[in-house]
Amino acid sequence: MSAIIVLIVCSLTVALGFLVAFIWSVKAGQYDDDYTPSVRMLFDDTATEQSVDNKK
């Protein structure tokens, strides 16, 4: 029975650690930009110097 209590305490400690890490990352702005990655592939790439030289 004592092993179950130890495992429950350990799992709650790990879960609390992940919750703290998640809240810290949200407050740090990790999840602020949710629009740009979805449309980044739609933007044209800027012309590189090599591709400009090939067109001449």
PDB file of N, CA and C in Angstrom:
ATOM      1  N   MET A   1       0.826  -1.202   0.000  1.00  0.00           N
ATOM      2  CA  MET A   1       0.000   0.000   0.000  1.00  0.00           C
ATOM      3  C   MET A   1       0.874   1.271   0.000  1.00  0.00           C
ATOM      4  N   SER A   2       2.011   1.209   0.661  1.00  0.00           N
ATOM      5  CA  SER A   2       2.874   2.388   0.725  1.00  0.00           C
ATOM      6  C   SER A   2       3.502   2.683  -0.639  1.00  0.00           C
ATOM      7  N   ALA A   3       3.677   1.650  -1.469  1.00  0.00           N
ATOM      8  CA  ALA A   3       4.238   1.874  -2.807  1.00  0.00           C
ATOM      9  C   ALA A   3       3.273   2.674  -3.668  1.00  0.00           C
ATOM     10  N   ILE A   4       1.988   2.432  -3.507  1.00  0.00           N
ATOM     11  CA  ILE A   4       0.990   3.187  -4.270  1.00  0.00           C
ATOM     12  C   ILE A   4       1.016   4.657  -3.870  1.00  0.00           C
ATOM     13  N   ILE A   5       1.153   4.923  -2.602  1.00  0.00           N
ATOM     14  CA  ILE A   5       1.192   6.306  -2.124  1.00  0.00           C
ATOM     15  C   ILE A   5       2.436   7.010  -2.664  1.00  0.00           C
ATOM     16  N   VAL A   6       3.572   6.324  -2.672  1.00  0.00           N
ATOM     17  CA  VAL A   6       4.802   6.902  -3.202  1.00  0.00           C
ATOM     18  C   VAL A   6       4.653   7.187  -4.695  1.00  0.00           C
ATOM     19  N   LEU A   7       4.064   6.253  -5.437  1.00  0.00           N
ATOM     20  CA  LEU A   7       3.871   6.464  -6.873  1.00  0.00           C
ATOM     21  C   LEU A   7       2.899   7.606  -7.156  1.00  0.00           C
ATOM     22  N   ILE A   8       1.864   7.731  -6.367  1.00  0.00           N
ATOM     23  CA  ILE A   8       0.907   8.834  -6.546  1.00  0.00           C
ATOM     24  C   ILE A   8       1.589  10.175  -6.266  1.00  0.00           C
ATOM     25  N   VAL A   9       2.386  10.232  -5.215  1.00  0.00           N
ATOM     26  CA  VAL A   9       3.097  11.475  -4.885  1.00  0.00           C
ATOM     27  C   VAL A   9       4.084  11.830  -5.995  1.00  0.00           C
ATOM     28  N   CYS A  10       4.803  10.821  -6.501  1.00  0.00           N
ATOM     29  CA  CYS A  10       5.760  11.075  -7.584  1.00  0.00           C
ATOM     30  C   CYS A  10       5.051  11.543  -8.850  1.00  0.00           C
ATOM     31  N   SER A  11       3.936  10.916  -9.197  1.00  0.00           N
ATOM     32  CA  SER A  11       3.220  11.312 -10.407  1.00  0.00           C
ATOM     33  C   SER A  11       2.616  12.700 -10.269  1.00  0.00           C
ATOM     34  N   LEU A  12       2.120  13.028  -9.099  1.00  0.00           N
ATOM     35  CA  LEU A  12       1.596  14.381  -8.890  1.00  0.00           C
ATOM     36  C   LEU A  12       2.712  15.419  -8.951  1.00  0.00           C
ATOM     37  N   THR A  13       3.891  15.082  -8.463  1.00  0.00           N
ATOM     38  CA  THR A  13       5.029  16.002  -8.533  1.00  0.00           C
ATOM     39  C   THR A  13       5.445  16.248  -9.980  1.00  0.00           C
ATOM     40  N   VAL A  14       5.503  15.178 -10.776  1.00  0.00           N
ATOM     41  CA  VAL A  14       5.865  15.318 -12.188  1.00  0.00           C
ATOM     42  C   VAL A  14       4.792  16.113 -12.934  1.00  0.00           C
ATOM     43  N   ALA A  15       3.519  15.826 -12.662  1.00  0.00           N
ATOM     44  CA  ALA A  15       2.425  16.548 -13.314  1.00  0.00           C
ATOM     45  C   ALA A  15       2.457  18.031 -12.946  1.00  0.00           C
ATOM     46  N   LEU A  16       2.738  18.320 -11.707  1.00  0.00           N
ATOM     47  CA  LEU A  16       2.832  19.716 -11.277  1.00  0.00           C
ATOM     48  C   LEU A  16       4.002  20.412 -11.966  1.00  0.00           C
ATOM     49  N   GLY A  17       5.103  19.694 -12.138  1.00  0.00           N
ATOM     50  CA  GLY A  17       6.253  20.262 -12.851  1.00  0.00           C
ATOM     51  C   GLY A  17       5.913  20.595 -14.290  1.00  0.00           C
ATOM     52  N   PHE A  18       5.196  19.686 -14.980  1.00  0.00           N
ATOM     53  CA  PHE A  18       4.788  19.967 -16.355  1.00  0.00           C
ATOM     54  C   PHE A  18       3.797  21.122 -16.420  1.00  0.00           C
ATOM     55  N   LEU A  19       2.907  21.226 -15.451  1.00  0.00           N
ATOM     56  CA  LEU A  19       1.963  22.343 -15.425  1.00  0.00           C
ATOM     57  C   LEU A  19       2.688  23.666 -15.241  1.00  0.00           C
ATOM     58  N   VAL A  20       3.661  23.691 -14.357  1.00  0.00           N
ATOM     59  CA  VAL A  20       4.440  24.917 -14.140  1.00  0.00           C
ATOM     60  C   VAL A  20       5.218  25.284 -15.399  1.00  0.00           C
ATOM     61  N   ALA A  21       5.805  24.282 -16.061  1.00  0.00           N
ATOM     62  CA  ALA A  21       6.544  24.554 -17.295  1.00  0.00           C
ATOM     63  C   ALA A  21       5.620  25.072 -18.388  1.00  0.00           C
ATOM     64  N   PHE A  22       4.408  24.535 -18.479  1.00  0.00           N
ATOM     65  CA  PHE A  22       3.450  25.008 -19.474  1.00  0.00           C
ATOM     66  C   PHE A  22       3.018  26.440 -19.200  1.00  0.00           C
ATOM     67  N   ILE A  23       2.699  26.731 -17.966  1.00  0.00           N
ATOM     68  CA  ILE A  23       2.279  28.096 -17.614  1.00  0.00           C
ATOM     69  C   ILE A  23       3.424  29.075 -17.853  1.00  0.00           C
ATOM     70  N   TRP A  24       4.650  28.678 -17.537  1.00  0.00           N
ATOM     71  CA  TRP A  24       5.817  29.534 -17.762  1.00  0.00           C
ATOM     72  C   TRP A  24       6.010  29.801 -19.254  1.00  0.00           C
ATOM     73  N   SER A  25       5.831  28.774 -20.099  1.00  0.00           N
ATOM     74  CA  SER A  25       6.020  28.979 -21.532  1.00  0.00           C
ATOM     75  C   SER A  25       4.915  29.846 -22.130  1.00  0.00           C
ATOM     76  N   VAL A  26       3.702  29.742 -21.615  1.00  0.00           N
ATOM     77  CA  VAL A  26       2.612  30.600 -22.104  1.00  0.00           C
ATOM     78  C   VAL A  26       2.879  32.053 -21.723  1.00  0.00           C
ATOM     79  N   LYS A  27       3.308  32.272 -20.493  1.00  0.00           N
ATOM     80  CA  LYS A  27       3.600  33.642 -20.062  1.00  0.00           C
ATOM     81  C   LYS A  27       4.816  34.225 -20.775  1.00  0.00           C
ATOM     82  N   ALA A  28       5.726  33.376 -21.223  1.00  0.00           N
ATOM     83  CA  ALA A  28       6.920  33.848 -21.937  1.00  0.00           C
ATOM     84  C   ALA A  28       6.622  34.136 -23.400  1.00  0.00           C
ATOM     85  N   GLY A  29       5.415  33.826 -23.872  1.00  0.00           N
ATOM     86  CA  GLY A  29       5.043  34.147 -25.239  1.00  0.00           C
ATOM     87  C   GLY A  29       5.353  33.060 -26.243  1.00  0.00           C
ATOM     88  N   GLN A  30       5.529  31.837 -25.781  1.00  0.00           N
ATOM     89  CA  GLN A  30       5.891  30.741 -26.671  1.00  0.00           C
ATOM     90  C   GLN A  30       4.782  30.442 -27.686  1.00  0.00           C
ATOM     91  N   TYR A  31       3.543  30.683 -27.326  1.00  0.00           N
ATOM     92  CA  TYR A  31       2.413  30.316 -28.182  1.00  0.00           C
ATOM     93  C   TYR A  31       1.691  31.530 -28.758  1.00  0.00           C
ATOM     94  N   ASP A  32       2.350  32.681 -28.809  1.00  0.00           N
ATOM     95  CA  ASP A  32       1.688  33.896 -29.272  1.00  0.00           C
ATOM     96  C   ASP A  32       1.429  33.909 -30.772  1.00  0.00           C
ATOM     97  N   ASP A  33       2.353  33.432 -31.568  1.00  0.00           N
ATOM     98  CA  ASP A  33       2.235  33.530 -33.016  1.00  0.00           C
ATOM     99  C   ASP A  33       1.601  32.259 -33.581  1.00  0.00           C
ATOM    100  N   ASP A  34       0.299  32.269 -33.748  1.00  0.00           N
ATOM    101  CA  ASP A  34      -0.367  31.084 -34.283  1.00  0.00           C
ATOM    102  C   ASP A  34      -0.848  31.300 -35.716  1.00  0.00           C
ATOM    103  N   TYR A  35      -0.602  32.460 -36.286  1.00  0.00           N
ATOM    104  CA  TYR A  35      -1.064  32.741 -37.642  1.00  0.00           C
ATOM    105  C   TYR A  35       0.048  32.570 -38.681  1.00  0.00           C
ATOM    106  N   THR A  36       1.217  33.084 -38.405  1.00  0.00           N
ATOM    107  CA  THR A  36       2.300  33.101 -39.392  1.00  0.00           C
ATOM    108  C   THR A  36       2.720  31.716 -39.877  1.00  0.00           C
ATOM    109  N   PRO A  37       2.892  30.719 -39.011  1.00  0.00           N
ATOM    110  CA  PRO A  37       3.338  29.417 -39.538  1.00  0.00           C
ATOM    111  C   PRO A  37       2.350  28.790 -40.524  1.00  0.00           C
ATOM    112  N   SER A  38       1.081  29.062 -40.380  1.00  0.00           N
ATOM    113  CA  SER A  38       0.108  28.440 -41.276  1.00  0.00           C
ATOM    114  C   SER A  38       0.097  29.076 -42.660  1.00  0.00           C
ATOM    115  N   VAL A  39       0.555  30.308 -42.785  1.00  0.00           N
ATOM    116  CA  VAL A  39       0.550  30.974 -44.090  1.00  0.00           C
ATOM    117  C   VAL A  39       1.951  31.256 -44.616  1.00  0.00           C
ATOM    118  N   ARG A  40       2.969  30.806 -43.915  1.00  0.00           N
ATOM    119  CA  ARG A  40       4.338  31.080 -44.332  1.00  0.00           C
ATOM    120  C   ARG A  40       4.635  30.467 -45.694  1.00  0.00           C
ATOM    121  N   MET A  41       4.057  29.305 -45.985  1.00  0.00           N
ATOM    122  CA  MET A  41       4.332  28.664 -47.270  1.00  0.00           C
ATOM    123  C   MET A  41       3.672  29.395 -48.437  1.00  0.00           C
ATOM    124  N   LEU A  42       2.755  30.309 -48.156  1.00  0.00           N
ATOM    125  CA  LEU A  42       2.081  31.041 -49.219  1.00  0.00           C
ATOM    126  C   LEU A  42       2.872  32.255 -49.690  1.00  0.00           C
ATOM    127  N   PHE A  43       3.816  32.713 -48.883  1.00  0.00           N
ATOM    128  CA  PHE A  43       4.600  33.885 -49.235  1.00  0.00           C
ATOM    129  C   PHE A  43       5.695  33.517 -50.219  1.00  0.00           C
ATOM    130  N   ASP A  44       5.997  34.414 -51.147  1.00  0.00           N
ATOM    131  CA  ASP A  44       7.094  34.191 -52.082  1.00  0.00           C
ATOM    132  C   ASP A  44       8.419  34.381 -51.370  1.00  0.00           C
ATOM    133  N   ASP A  45       9.374  33.571 -51.757  1.00  0.00           N
ATOM    134  CA  ASP A  45      10.717  33.743 -51.215  1.00  0.00           C
ATOM    135  C   ASP A  45      11.374  34.940 -51.879  1.00  0.00           C
ATOM    136  N   THR A  46      12.272  35.568 -51.168  1.00  0.00           N
ATOM    137  CA  THR A  46      13.002  36.681 -51.772  1.00  0.00           C
ATOM    138  C   THR A  46      14.024  36.112 -52.748  1.00  0.00           C
ATOM    139  N   ALA A  47      14.278  36.842 -53.789  1.00  0.00           N
ATOM    140  CA  ALA A  47      15.222  36.387 -54.811  1.00  0.00           C
ATOM    141  C   ALA A  47      16.632  36.412 -54.257  1.00  0.00           C
ATOM    142  N   THR A  48      17.348  35.353 -54.465  1.00  0.00           N
ATOM    143  CA  THR A  48      18.733  35.314 -54.012  1.00  0.00           C
ATOM    144  C   THR A  48      19.632  35.907 -55.078  1.00  0.00           C
ATOM    145  N   GLU A  49      20.849  36.175 -54.724  1.00  0.00           N
ATOM    146  CA  GLU A  49      21.782  36.786 -55.658  1.00  0.00           C
ATOM    147  C   GLU A  49      22.093  35.837 -56.815  1.00  0.00           C
ATOM    148  N   GLN A  50      22.133  34.555 -56.550  1.00  0.00           N
ATOM    149  CA  GLN A  50      22.434  33.596 -57.592  1.00  0.00           C
ATOM    150  C   GLN A  50      21.300  33.512 -58.614  1.00  0.00           C
ATOM    151  N   SER A  51      20.062  33.523 -58.150  1.00  0.00           N
ATOM    152  CA  SER A  51      18.960  33.436 -59.097  1.00  0.00           C
ATOM    153  C   SER A  51      18.836  34.703 -59.931  1.00  0.00           C
ATOM    154  N   VAL A  52      19.239  35.830 -59.397  1.00  0.00           N
ATOM    155  CA  VAL A  52      19.227  37.088 -60.143  1.00  0.00           C
ATOM    156  C   VAL A  52      20.297  37.039 -61.232  1.00  0.00           C
ATOM    157  N   ASP A  53      21.467  36.453 -60.916  1.00  0.00           N
ATOM    158  CA  ASP A  53      22.546  36.340 -61.896  1.00  0.00           C
ATOM    159  C   ASP A  53      22.159  35.404 -63.044  1.00  0.00           C
ATOM    160  N   ASN A  54      21.394  34.388 -62.782  1.00  0.00           N
ATOM    161  CA  ASN A  54      20.985  33.439 -63.806  1.00  0.00           C
ATOM    162  C   ASN A  54      19.995  34.053 -64.791  1.00  0.00           C
ATOM    163  N   LYS A  55      19.243  35.049 -64.374  1.00  0.00           N
ATOM    164  CA  LYS A  55      18.243  35.669 -65.260  1.00  0.00           C
ATOM    165  C   LYS A  55      18.848  36.666 -66.213  1.00  0.00           C
ATOM    166  N   LYS A  56      20.064  37.098 -65.978  1.00  0.00           N
ATOM    167  CA  LYS A  56      20.687  38.118 -66.838  1.00  0.00           C
ATOM    168  C   LYS A  56      21.087  37.577 -68.149  1.00  0.00           C
TER     169      LYS A  56
END
